[in-house]
Amino acid sequence: MRHLENIMRPLLCLGMLVFIPPAYAEDVAGDNWQQMQGEDFIIYYRADVPDDFVQTTMDCAEDEFKRVMDDLGIAPYENWSLDRRASIYIYSDQEDFVKNGHQALWSHGAAFARAKVIKTFPEAQGFFDAILPHELGHIVFREFVGFTRYVPLWFEEGMAVYQEKAKRLGAKKAVKEAIENGQFIPLSKLSHMRLYINSKQELVELFYAESASLVYFMITQLGQQQFFMLCREIKNNTPFDRALEKVYLRFKNLDELNQAWVDYLQG
């Protein structure tokens, strides 16, 4: 994850899920946007954005959308219909993105899950391999389970970071080192953690590494079908801890899940 965005996301998470800036309607209605429509996405882009970048964005978005659905074991569902396609706004450059996209100077991309909106610009660092899959993870997850369902921060962020292939692969090594160095955060504590603007960078990075590692463990070692069943229980408004107990019968509590995860990492 981008370091500053790592720190800020927990502070902005709820806002990003529910806040829809009024500028969206004005932007779309204006004359400053070109449009490309795909199966699951509509891309709005400035006239000076290169055509090949727009096409690459569409191709990657469609591919990543299907991959995220497959990763989470979520088959296409009726809530994602053609008249509710996600929108991607590509601004001319970072200045345009910050000023007219109403984003922070440090940001290279933003997502608003409830609105199904992603914003970026051509020079955004890591857009295709990190930002796009990460934000699609949030959108697909929240579109499936609902926007009012509570899950621990580690679960939703871990699921989103899991979509970033590089971060997924690097998380296991980082967590193993934390165990060896005595810095490991047990799941019982991870489940109640919140991050703030003044949180130490090392803590933020470890939080996201552990979150991604645990989700990876749950999907690949405990079963993709079980992970989907957990998401479905959340969708059905089952409290998260109770949903874990119902789906993963072998674990009586978080400590047992934590131990299985640690054993996997050390094994």
C-alpha atoms as a PDB file:
ATOM      1  CA  MET A   1       0.000   0.000   0.000  1.00  0.00           C
ATOM      2  CA  ARG A   2       1.004   3.598  -0.391  1.00  0.00           C
ATOM      3  CA  HIS A   3       2.411   4.594   3.000  1.00  0.00           C
ATOM      4  CA  LEU A   4       0.398   7.745   3.589  1.00  0.00           C
ATOM      5  CA  GLU A   5      -2.723   6.171   2.157  1.00  0.00           C
ATOM      6  CA  ASN A   6      -2.194   3.243   4.519  1.00  0.00           C
ATOM      7  CA  ILE A   7      -2.350   5.635   7.439  1.00  0.00           C
ATOM      8  CA  MET A   8      -5.244   7.683   6.152  1.00  0.00           C
ATOM      9  CA  ARG A   9      -7.523   4.951   4.825  1.00  0.00           C
ATOM     10  CA  PRO A  10      -8.879   3.872   8.241  1.00  0.00           C
ATOM     11  CA  LEU A  11      -9.756   7.481   8.935  1.00  0.00           C
ATOM     12  CA  LEU A  12     -11.452   7.894   5.572  1.00  0.00           C
ATOM     13  CA  CYS A  13     -12.844   4.397   5.170  1.00  0.00           C
ATOM     14  CA  LEU A  14     -16.434   5.073   6.212  1.00  0.00           C
ATOM     15  CA  GLY A  15     -16.476   8.357   4.363  1.00  0.00           C
ATOM     16  CA  MET A  16     -15.169   6.734   1.223  1.00  0.00           C
ATOM     17  CA  LEU A  17     -17.918   4.144   1.440  1.00  0.00           C
ATOM     18  CA  VAL A  18     -20.835   6.501   1.854  1.00  0.00           C
ATOM     19  CA  PHE A  19     -19.845   9.987   0.722  1.00  0.00           C
ATOM     20  CA  ILE A  20     -20.640  10.859  -2.895  1.00  0.00           C
ATOM     21  CA  PRO A  21     -19.309  14.304  -3.800  1.00  0.00           C
ATOM     22  CA  PRO A  22     -21.885  16.355  -5.740  1.00  0.00           C
ATOM     23  CA  ALA A  23     -19.175  17.108  -8.314  1.00  0.00           C
ATOM     24  CA  TYR A  24     -19.814  13.709  -9.904  1.00  0.00           C
ATOM     25  CA  ALA A  25     -23.106  14.760 -11.470  1.00  0.00           C
ATOM     26  CA  GLU A  26     -21.733  18.095 -12.561  1.00  0.00           C
ATOM     27  CA  ASP A  27     -18.642  16.491 -14.093  1.00  0.00           C
ATOM     28  CA  VAL A  28     -20.588  13.920 -16.086  1.00  0.00           C
ATOM     29  CA  ALA A  29     -23.040  16.522 -17.335  1.00  0.00           C
ATOM     30  CA  GLY A  30     -20.267  18.824 -18.465  1.00  0.00           C
ATOM     31  CA  ASP A  31     -18.399  18.941 -21.747  1.00  0.00           C
ATOM     32  CA  ASN A  32     -15.004  18.019 -20.295  1.00  0.00           C
ATOM     33  CA  TRP A  33     -15.462  14.245 -20.281  1.00  0.00           C
ATOM     34  CA  GLN A  34     -15.150  11.669 -23.030  1.00  0.00           C
ATOM     35  CA  GLN A  35     -16.764   8.287 -22.412  1.00  0.00           C
ATOM     36  CA  MET A  36     -15.979   4.614 -23.036  1.00  0.00           C
ATOM     37  CA  GLN A  37     -18.412   1.892 -22.033  1.00  0.00           C
ATOM     38  CA  GLY A  38     -17.546  -1.718 -21.225  1.00  0.00           C
ATOM     39  CA  GLU A  39     -19.355  -4.712 -19.814  1.00  0.00           C
ATOM     40  CA  ASP A  40     -18.936  -3.757 -16.151  1.00  0.00           C
ATOM     41  CA  PHE A  41     -17.417  -0.267 -16.301  1.00  0.00           C
ATOM     42  CA  ILE A  42     -17.942   3.168 -17.780  1.00  0.00           C
ATOM     43  CA  ILE A  43     -14.770   5.219 -18.092  1.00  0.00           C
ATOM     44  CA  TYR A  44     -14.994   9.000 -18.093  1.00  0.00           C
ATOM     45  CA  TYR A  45     -11.777  10.623 -19.233  1.00  0.00           C
ATOM     46  CA  ARG A  46     -10.403  14.009 -20.157  1.00  0.00           C
ATOM     47  CA  ALA A  47      -9.884  14.704 -23.837  1.00  0.00           C
ATOM     48  CA  ASP A  48      -6.109  14.900 -23.407  1.00  0.00           C
ATOM     49  CA  VAL A  49      -5.808  11.435 -21.831  1.00  0.00           C
ATOM     50  CA  PRO A  50      -4.140   9.072 -24.361  1.00  0.00           C
ATOM     51  CA  ASP A  51      -6.544   6.623 -25.993  1.00  0.00           C
ATOM     52  CA  ASP A  52      -4.260   3.675 -25.312  1.00  0.00           C
ATOM     53  CA  PHE A  53      -4.260   4.461 -21.586  1.00  0.00           C
ATOM     54  CA  VAL A  54      -8.060   4.541 -21.571  1.00  0.00           C
ATOM     55  CA  GLN A  55      -8.270   1.201 -23.394  1.00  0.00           C
ATOM     56  CA  THR A  56      -5.670  -0.357 -21.110  1.00  0.00           C
ATOM     57  CA  THR A  57      -7.619   0.869 -18.089  1.00  0.00           C
ATOM     58  CA  MET A  58     -10.820  -0.689 -19.421  1.00  0.00           C
ATOM     59  CA  ASP A  59      -9.134  -4.003 -20.215  1.00  0.00           C
ATOM     60  CA  CYS A  60      -7.441  -4.174 -16.823  1.00  0.00           C
ATOM     61  CA  ALA A  61     -10.590  -3.172 -14.955  1.00  0.00           C
ATOM     62  CA  GLU A  62     -12.670  -5.882 -16.627  1.00  0.00           C
ATOM     63  CA  ASP A  63      -9.971  -8.512 -16.038  1.00  0.00           C
ATOM     64  CA  GLU A  64      -9.364  -7.484 -12.430  1.00  0.00           C
ATOM     65  CA  PHE A  65     -13.080  -7.398 -11.662  1.00  0.00           C
ATOM     66  CA  LYS A  66     -13.506 -10.987 -12.774  1.00  0.00           C
ATOM     67  CA  ARG A  67     -10.347 -12.051 -10.921  1.00  0.00           C
ATOM     68  CA  VAL A  68     -11.463 -10.425  -7.668  1.00  0.00           C
ATOM     69  CA  MET A  69     -14.817 -12.169  -7.957  1.00  0.00           C
ATOM     70  CA  ASP A  70     -13.021 -15.476  -8.501  1.00  0.00           C
ATOM     71  CA  ASP A  71     -10.569 -14.845  -5.649  1.00  0.00           C
ATOM     72  CA  LEU A  72     -13.369 -14.283  -3.175  1.00  0.00           C
ATOM     73  CA  GLY A  73     -15.458 -17.126  -4.540  1.00  0.00           C
ATOM     74  CA  ILE A  74     -18.275 -14.713  -5.307  1.00  0.00           C
ATOM     75  CA  ALA A  75     -20.211 -15.581  -8.459  1.00  0.00           C
ATOM     76  CA  PRO A  76     -21.832 -12.751 -10.445  1.00  0.00           C
ATOM     77  CA  TYR A  77     -24.801 -11.451  -8.500  1.00  0.00           C
ATOM     78  CA  GLU A  78     -27.879  -9.476  -9.398  1.00  0.00           C
ATOM     79  CA  ASN A  79     -26.839  -6.295  -7.591  1.00  0.00           C
ATOM     80  CA  TRP A  80     -24.197  -5.679 -10.261  1.00  0.00           C
ATOM     81  CA  SER A  81     -26.377  -4.932 -13.293  1.00  0.00           C
ATOM     82  CA  LEU A  82     -25.647  -3.083 -16.505  1.00  0.00           C
ATOM     83  CA  ASP A  83     -27.405   0.070 -15.335  1.00  0.00           C
ATOM     84  CA  ARG A  84     -25.216   0.040 -12.214  1.00  0.00           C
ATOM     85  CA  ARG A  85     -21.827  -0.301 -13.843  1.00  0.00           C
ATOM     86  CA  ALA A  86     -18.864   1.083 -11.956  1.00  0.00           C
ATOM     87  CA  SER A  87     -17.391   4.387 -13.110  1.00  0.00           C
ATOM     88  CA  ILE A  88     -13.713   5.195 -13.505  1.00  0.00           C
ATOM     89  CA  TYR A  89     -12.714   8.851 -13.814  1.00  0.00           C
ATOM     90  CA  ILE A  90      -9.341   9.517 -15.439  1.00  0.00           C
ATOM     91  CA  TYR A  91      -8.158  13.065 -14.883  1.00  0.00           C
ATOM     92  CA  SER A  92      -5.607  14.815 -17.076  1.00  0.00           C
ATOM     93  CA  ASP A  93      -2.848  14.820 -14.482  1.00  0.00           C
ATOM     94  CA  GLN A  94      -2.271  14.963 -10.730  1.00  0.00           C
ATOM     95  CA  GLU A  95      -3.112  18.668 -10.547  1.00  0.00           C
ATOM     96  CA  ASP A  96      -6.471  18.071 -12.226  1.00  0.00           C
ATOM     97  CA  PHE A  97      -7.058  15.013 -10.021  1.00  0.00           C
ATOM     98  CA  VAL A  98      -6.369  16.965  -6.813  1.00  0.00           C
ATOM     99  CA  LYS A  99      -8.176  20.184  -7.745  1.00  0.00           C
ATOM    100  CA  ASN A 100     -11.225  18.924  -9.640  1.00  0.00           C
ATOM    101  CA  GLY A 101     -11.313  15.398  -8.277  1.00  0.00           C
ATOM    102  CA  HIS A 102     -11.214  16.790  -4.718  1.00  0.00           C
ATOM    103  CA  GLN A 103      -8.386  14.492  -3.613  1.00  0.00           C
ATOM    104  CA  ALA A 104      -5.371  14.814  -1.342  1.00  0.00           C
ATOM    105  CA  LEU A 105      -1.970  15.797  -2.717  1.00  0.00           C
ATOM    106  CA  TRP A 106      -0.466  12.439  -1.719  1.00  0.00           C
ATOM    107  CA  SER A 107      -3.201  10.343  -3.332  1.00  0.00           C
ATOM    108  CA  HIS A 108      -2.777   8.483  -6.635  1.00  0.00           C
ATOM    109  CA  GLY A 109      -6.245   6.987  -6.674  1.00  0.00           C
ATOM    110  CA  ALA A 110      -9.495   6.931  -4.724  1.00  0.00           C
ATOM    111  CA  ALA A 111     -12.546   4.710  -4.540  1.00  0.00           C
ATOM    112  CA  PHE A 112     -16.080   5.282  -3.302  1.00  0.00           C
ATOM    113  CA  ALA A 113     -17.584   1.843  -2.879  1.00  0.00           C
ATOM    114  CA  ARG A 114     -21.240   2.800  -2.493  1.00  0.00           C
ATOM    115  CA  ALA A 115     -21.068   5.009  -5.590  1.00  0.00           C
ATOM    116  CA  LYS A 116     -18.965   2.434  -7.476  1.00  0.00           C
ATOM    117  CA  VAL A 117     -16.525   5.176  -8.438  1.00  0.00           C
ATOM    118  CA  ILE A 118     -12.753   5.022  -8.880  1.00  0.00           C
ATOM    119  CA  LYS A 119     -10.627   8.089  -9.647  1.00  0.00           C
ATOM    120  CA  THR A 120      -7.087   8.292 -10.985  1.00  0.00           C
ATOM    121  CA  PHE A 121      -4.815   9.958 -13.559  1.00  0.00           C
ATOM    122  CA  PRO A 122      -2.359   8.577 -16.162  1.00  0.00           C
ATOM    123  CA  GLU A 123       0.839   9.104 -14.153  1.00  0.00           C
ATOM    124  CA  ALA A 124      -0.545   7.549 -10.960  1.00  0.00           C
ATOM    125  CA  GLN A 125       2.051   5.245  -9.445  1.00  0.00           C
ATOM    126  CA  GLY A 126       1.011   1.620  -9.106  1.00  0.00           C
ATOM    127  CA  PHE A 127      -2.487   2.146 -10.483  1.00  0.00           C
ATOM    128  CA  PHE A 128      -2.778  -1.081 -12.467  1.00  0.00           C
ATOM    129  CA  ASP A 129      -0.952  -3.453 -10.129  1.00  0.00           C
ATOM    130  CA  ALA A 130      -1.986  -2.009  -6.758  1.00  0.00           C
ATOM    131  CA  ILE A 131      -4.601   0.751  -6.662  1.00  0.00           C
ATOM    132  CA  LEU A 132      -7.084  -0.724  -9.153  1.00  0.00           C
ATOM    133  CA  PRO A 133      -7.197  -4.291  -7.752  1.00  0.00           C
ATOM    134  CA  HIS A 134      -7.198  -2.999  -4.162  1.00  0.00           C
ATOM    135  CA  GLU A 135     -10.105  -0.636  -4.703  1.00  0.00           C
ATOM    136  CA  LEU A 136     -12.040  -3.214  -6.712  1.00  0.00           C
ATOM    137  CA  GLY A 137     -11.629  -5.521  -3.734  1.00  0.00           C
ATOM    138  CA  HIS A 138     -13.414  -2.963  -1.562  1.00  0.00           C
ATOM    139  CA  ILE A 139     -16.137  -2.349  -4.144  1.00  0.00           C
ATOM    140  CA  VAL A 140     -16.879  -6.035  -4.820  1.00  0.00           C
ATOM    141  CA  PHE A 141     -16.824  -6.945  -1.125  1.00  0.00           C
ATOM    142  CA  ARG A 142     -19.109  -4.128  -0.023  1.00  0.00           C
ATOM    143  CA  GLU A 143     -21.423  -4.571  -2.996  1.00  0.00           C
ATOM    144  CA  PHE A 144     -21.858  -8.189  -1.943  1.00  0.00           C
ATOM    145  CA  VAL A 145     -22.141  -8.003   1.856  1.00  0.00           C
ATOM    146  CA  GLY A 146     -23.756  -4.554   2.083  1.00  0.00           C
ATOM    147  CA  PHE A 147     -22.602  -1.181   3.298  1.00  0.00           C
ATOM    148  CA  THR A 148     -23.937  -1.368   6.839  1.00  0.00           C
ATOM    149  CA  ARG A 149     -22.393  -4.707   7.775  1.00  0.00           C
ATOM    150  CA  TYR A 150     -19.616  -4.475  10.352  1.00  0.00           C
ATOM    151  CA  VAL A 151     -16.342  -6.323   9.865  1.00  0.00           C
ATOM    152  CA  PRO A 152     -13.030  -5.736  11.660  1.00  0.00           C
ATOM    153  CA  LEU A 153     -10.705  -3.384   9.824  1.00  0.00           C
ATOM    154  CA  TRP A 154      -8.142  -6.162   9.351  1.00  0.00           C
ATOM    155  CA  PHE A 155     -10.653  -8.300   7.471  1.00  0.00           C
ATOM    156  CA  GLU A 156     -11.752  -5.761   4.888  1.00  0.00           C
ATOM    157  CA  GLU A 157      -8.300  -4.263   4.386  1.00  0.00           C
ATOM    158  CA  GLY A 158      -6.691  -7.695   4.324  1.00  0.00           C
ATOM    159  CA  MET A 159      -9.132  -8.797   1.657  1.00  0.00           C
ATOM    160  CA  ALA A 160      -8.334  -5.682  -0.415  1.00  0.00           C
ATOM    161  CA  VAL A 161      -4.542  -5.969  -0.001  1.00  0.00           C
ATOM    162  CA  TYR A 162      -4.860  -9.660  -0.930  1.00  0.00           C
ATOM    163  CA  GLN A 163      -5.867  -8.490  -4.405  1.00  0.00           C
ATOM    164  CA  GLU A 164      -2.461  -6.837  -4.841  1.00  0.00           C
ATOM    165  CA  LYS A 165      -0.257  -9.688  -6.037  1.00  0.00           C
ATOM    166  CA  ALA A 166       3.039  -8.175  -4.908  1.00  0.00           C
ATOM    167  CA  LYS A 167       1.719  -7.316  -1.445  1.00  0.00           C
ATOM    168  CA  ARG A 168       0.124 -10.740  -1.153  1.00  0.00           C
ATOM    169  CA  LEU A 169       3.464 -12.431  -1.744  1.00  0.00           C
ATOM    170  CA  GLY A 170       5.448 -10.095   0.497  1.00  0.00           C
ATOM    171  CA  ALA A 171       3.074 -10.241   3.462  1.00  0.00           C
ATOM    172  CA  LYS A 172       4.052 -13.736   4.599  1.00  0.00           C
ATOM    173  CA  LYS A 173       7.738 -12.846   4.846  1.00  0.00           C
ATOM    174  CA  ALA A 174       7.001  -9.648   6.759  1.00  0.00           C
ATOM    175  CA  VAL A 175       4.798 -11.427   9.299  1.00  0.00           C
ATOM    176  CA  LYS A 176       7.288 -14.255   9.798  1.00  0.00           C
ATOM    177  CA  GLU A 177       9.956 -11.665  10.586  1.00  0.00           C
ATOM    178  CA  ALA A 178       7.584 -10.003  13.058  1.00  0.00           C
ATOM    179  CA  ILE A 179       7.091 -13.329  14.835  1.00  0.00           C
ATOM    180  CA  GLU A 180      10.834 -13.918  15.016  1.00  0.00           C
ATOM    181  CA  ASN A 181      11.460 -10.380  16.290  1.00  0.00           C
ATOM    182  CA  GLY A 182       8.719 -10.503  18.905  1.00  0.00           C
ATOM    183  CA  GLN A 183       6.708  -7.765  17.171  1.00  0.00           C
ATOM    184  CA  PHE A 184       3.838  -9.954  16.002  1.00  0.00           C
ATOM    185  CA  ILE A 185       0.345  -8.617  16.720  1.00  0.00           C
ATOM    186  CA  PRO A 186      -1.957 -11.500  17.792  1.00  0.00           C
ATOM    187  CA  LEU A 187      -5.381 -11.717  16.192  1.00  0.00           C
ATOM    188  CA  SER A 188      -7.159 -10.888  19.455  1.00  0.00           C
ATOM    189  CA  LYS A 189      -5.428  -7.492  19.397  1.00  0.00           C
ATOM    190  CA  LEU A 190      -5.492  -7.065  15.618  1.00  0.00           C
ATOM    191  CA  SER A 191      -9.291  -7.351  15.670  1.00  0.00           C
ATOM    192  CA  HIS A 192      -9.624  -4.217  17.798  1.00  0.00           C
ATOM    193  CA  MET A 193      -6.939  -2.097  16.168  1.00  0.00           C
ATOM    194  CA  ARG A 194      -7.572   1.251  14.581  1.00  0.00           C
ATOM    195  CA  LEU A 195      -4.982   3.355  12.816  1.00  0.00           C
ATOM    196  CA  TYR A 196      -4.661   7.109  12.978  1.00  0.00           C
ATOM    197  CA  ILE A 197      -2.793   9.909  11.262  1.00  0.00           C
ATOM    198  CA  ASN A 198      -0.083   9.794  13.939  1.00  0.00           C
ATOM    199  CA  SER A 199       0.271   5.995  13.960  1.00  0.00           C
ATOM    200  CA  LYS A 200       3.842   4.875  13.486  1.00  0.00           C
ATOM    201  CA  GLN A 201       4.672   3.790   9.952  1.00  0.00           C
ATOM    202  CA  GLU A 202       6.129   0.476  11.166  1.00  0.00           C
ATOM    203  CA  LEU A 203       2.876  -0.351  12.961  1.00  0.00           C
ATOM    204  CA  VAL A 204       0.791   0.586   9.930  1.00  0.00           C
ATOM    205  CA  GLU A 205       2.864  -1.575   7.599  1.00  0.00           C
ATOM    206  CA  LEU A 206       2.748  -4.531   9.990  1.00  0.00           C
ATOM    207  CA  PHE A 207      -1.008  -4.165  10.391  1.00  0.00           C
ATOM    208  CA  TYR A 208      -1.568  -4.375   6.640  1.00  0.00           C
ATOM    209  CA  ALA A 209       0.945  -7.197   6.209  1.00  0.00           C
ATOM    210  CA  GLU A 210      -0.719  -9.275   8.927  1.00  0.00           C
ATOM    211  CA  SER A 211      -4.185  -8.519   7.564  1.00  0.00           C
ATOM    212  CA  ALA A 212      -3.223  -9.641   4.061  1.00  0.00           C
ATOM    213  CA  SER A 213      -1.381 -12.698   5.392  1.00  0.00           C
ATOM    214  CA  LEU A 214      -4.350 -13.822   7.478  1.00  0.00           C
ATOM    215  CA  VAL A 215      -6.812 -13.439   4.611  1.00  0.00           C
ATOM    216  CA  TYR A 216      -4.390 -15.344   2.362  1.00  0.00           C
ATOM    217  CA  PHE A 217      -4.262 -18.122   4.959  1.00  0.00           C
ATOM    218  CA  MET A 218      -8.048 -18.259   5.239  1.00  0.00           C
ATOM    219  CA  ILE A 219      -8.604 -18.424   1.481  1.00  0.00           C
ATOM    220  CA  THR A 220      -5.781 -20.751   0.446  1.00  0.00           C
ATOM    221  CA  GLN A 221      -5.436 -22.992   3.497  1.00  0.00           C
ATOM    222  CA  LEU A 222      -8.913 -23.071   5.037  1.00  0.00           C
ATOM    223  CA  GLY A 223     -10.756 -23.056   1.721  1.00  0.00           C
ATOM    224  CA  GLN A 224     -12.189 -20.553  -0.735  1.00  0.00           C
ATOM    225  CA  GLN A 225     -15.680 -21.997  -0.284  1.00  0.00           C
ATOM    226  CA  GLN A 226     -15.519 -21.408   3.453  1.00  0.00           C
ATOM    227  CA  PHE A 227     -14.341 -17.841   2.878  1.00  0.00           C
ATOM    228  CA  PHE A 228     -17.320 -17.226   0.617  1.00  0.00           C
ATOM    229  CA  MET A 229     -19.621 -18.755   3.244  1.00  0.00           C
ATOM    230  CA  LEU A 230     -18.164 -16.335   5.786  1.00  0.00           C
ATOM    231  CA  CYS A 231     -18.896 -13.409   3.462  1.00  0.00           C
ATOM    232  CA  ARG A 232     -22.426 -14.728   2.974  1.00  0.00           C
ATOM    233  CA  GLU A 233     -22.963 -14.932   6.733  1.00  0.00           C
ATOM    234  CA  ILE A 234     -21.828 -11.307   7.001  1.00  0.00           C
ATOM    235  CA  LYS A 235     -24.237 -10.431   4.190  1.00  0.00           C
ATOM    236  CA  ASN A 236     -27.015 -12.124   6.186  1.00  0.00           C
ATOM    237  CA  ASN A 237     -26.199  -9.818   9.110  1.00  0.00           C
ATOM    238  CA  THR A 238     -24.560 -12.456  11.278  1.00  0.00           C
ATOM    239  CA  PRO A 239     -22.135 -10.748  13.721  1.00  0.00           C
ATOM    240  CA  PHE A 240     -18.570 -11.276  12.546  1.00  0.00           C
ATOM    241  CA  ASP A 241     -17.353 -13.365  15.498  1.00  0.00           C
ATOM    242  CA  ARG A 242     -20.458 -15.540  15.321  1.00  0.00           C
ATOM    243  CA  ALA A 243     -20.006 -15.940  11.555  1.00  0.00           C
ATOM    244  CA  LEU A 244     -16.451 -17.176  12.140  1.00  0.00           C
ATOM    245  CA  GLU A 245     -17.716 -19.759  14.628  1.00  0.00           C
ATOM    246  CA  LYS A 246     -20.450 -20.982  12.272  1.00  0.00           C
ATOM    247  CA  VAL A 247     -18.180 -21.365   9.247  1.00  0.00           C
ATOM    248  CA  TYR A 248     -14.915 -22.536  10.822  1.00  0.00           C
ATOM    249  CA  LEU A 249     -16.135 -25.186  13.237  1.00  0.00           C
ATOM    250  CA  ARG A 250     -12.617 -26.376  14.041  1.00  0.00           C
ATOM    251  CA  PHE A 251     -11.835 -23.105  15.831  1.00  0.00           C
ATOM    252  CA  LYS A 252     -13.574 -22.394  19.115  1.00  0.00           C
ATOM    253  CA  ASN A 253     -12.267 -18.855  19.326  1.00  0.00           C
ATOM    254  CA  LEU A 254      -9.917 -16.289  17.776  1.00  0.00           C
ATOM    255  CA  ASP A 255      -6.948 -17.669  19.707  1.00  0.00           C
ATOM    256  CA  GLU A 256      -7.275 -21.042  17.978  1.00  0.00           C
ATOM    257  CA  LEU A 257      -7.512 -19.399  14.556  1.00  0.00           C
ATOM    258  CA  ASN A 258      -4.491 -17.293  15.470  1.00  0.00           C
ATOM    259  CA  GLN A 259      -2.499 -20.383  16.460  1.00  0.00           C
ATOM    260  CA  ALA A 260      -3.348 -22.200  13.229  1.00  0.00           C
ATOM    261  CA  TRP A 261      -2.229 -19.144  11.252  1.00  0.00           C
ATOM    262  CA  VAL A 262       1.050 -18.887  13.181  1.00  0.00           C
ATOM    263  CA  ASP A 263       1.701 -22.631  12.772  1.00  0.00           C
ATOM    264  CA  TYR A 264       1.193 -22.215   9.011  1.00  0.00           C
ATOM    265  CA  LEU A 265       3.621 -19.306   8.872  1.00  0.00           C
ATOM    266  CA  GLN A 266       6.258 -21.115  10.885  1.00  0.00           C
ATOM    267  CA  GLY A 267       5.730 -24.440   9.152  1.00  0.00           C
END
